Amino acid sequence: MTGHARGLGAIVDALQASRTPETVAHENLLSLAMVEAAVRSSRERRTVEIAHVLAEAGWDFASHEPTSRLHS
């Protein structure tokens, strides 16, 4: 079984057992936003705030929820 298949299997197992998976989407999103901010910062030679990257993607940094959910 590949790493991806194991990861997906773990998510399915968690859902079937009604428990939180080992990794959750918002944690991965924060990691990706950090990388995006670092790449932009290097390319543009300026500080790029992670919260700004998240806001551009429609994510509220303080609540860890999509801004569309906050306004509905």
Protein backbone atom coordinates (compact mmCIF):
# COMPACT_ATOMS: atom_id res chain seq x y z
CA MET A 1 0.00 0.00 0.00
CA THR A 2 1.38 3.43 -0.93
CA GLY A 3 1.62 6.37 1.44
CA HIS A 4 -1.36 8.06 -0.21
CA ALA A 5 -3.51 4.93 0.07
CA ARG A 6 -2.55 4.55 3.74
CA GLY A 7 -3.41 8.18 4.38
CA LEU A 8 -6.79 7.90 2.70
CA GLY A 9 -7.45 4.65 4.53
CA ALA A 10 -6.73 6.36 7.84
CA ILE A 11 -9.21 9.12 6.99
CA VAL A 12 -11.90 6.60 6.06
CA ASP A 13 -11.24 4.64 9.27
CA ALA A 14 -11.56 7.82 11.35
CA LEU A 15 -14.80 8.80 9.65
CA GLN A 16 -16.27 5.34 10.16
CA ALA A 17 -15.28 5.44 13.84
CA SER A 18 -16.64 9.02 14.24
CA ARG A 19 -13.29 10.37 15.37
CA THR A 20 -11.06 13.16 14.11
CA PRO A 21 -8.48 12.02 11.53
CA GLU A 22 -4.81 12.23 12.45
CA THR A 23 -4.39 15.21 10.12
CA VAL A 24 -7.10 17.75 9.46
CA ALA A 25 -7.52 20.05 6.49
CA HIS A 26 -6.97 23.37 8.26
CA GLU A 27 -3.54 22.24 9.51
CA ASN A 28 -2.51 21.37 5.96
CA LEU A 29 -3.90 24.66 4.68
CA LEU A 30 -1.79 26.58 7.19
CA SER A 31 1.31 24.70 6.04
CA LEU A 32 0.59 25.48 2.40
CA ALA A 33 -0.06 29.14 3.21
CA MET A 34 3.29 29.32 5.00
CA VAL A 35 5.07 27.90 1.94
CA GLU A 36 3.18 30.25 -0.41
CA ALA A 37 4.11 33.24 1.76
CA ALA A 38 7.79 32.18 1.78
CA VAL A 39 7.88 31.73 -2.00
CA ARG A 40 6.20 35.10 -2.62
CA SER A 41 8.48 36.78 -0.10
CA SER A 42 11.56 35.41 -1.84
CA ARG A 43 10.29 36.24 -5.32
CA GLU A 44 9.05 39.73 -4.45
CA ARG A 45 11.80 40.53 -1.92
CA ARG A 46 9.31 41.72 0.68
CA THR A 47 7.54 40.42 3.77
CA VAL A 48 4.40 38.43 2.96
CA GLU A 49 2.13 37.71 5.90
CA ILE A 50 0.67 34.21 6.15
CA ALA A 51 -2.64 35.75 7.28
CA HIS A 52 -2.73 37.76 4.02
CA VAL A 53 -2.24 34.62 1.94
CA LEU A 54 -5.03 32.92 3.89
CA ALA A 55 -7.33 35.93 3.46
CA GLU A 56 -6.76 35.88 -0.30
CA ALA A 57 -7.83 32.23 -0.26
CA GLY A 58 -11.00 33.11 1.68
CA TRP A 59 -9.83 31.77 5.03
CA ASP A 60 -10.10 33.57 8.37
CA PHE A 61 -6.78 33.05 10.16
CA ALA A 62 -8.15 33.75 13.65
CA SER A 63 -11.02 31.27 13.50
CA HIS A 64 -9.43 28.65 11.21
CA GLU A 65 -12.62 28.67 9.12
CA PRO A 66 -13.48 29.75 5.60
CA THR A 67 -14.79 33.31 5.63
CA SER A 68 -17.87 32.15 3.72
CA ARG A 69 -18.87 30.08 6.78
CA LEU A 70 -18.40 33.05 9.08
CA HIS A 71 -20.80 35.20 7.09
CA SER A 72 -23.55 32.66 6.45
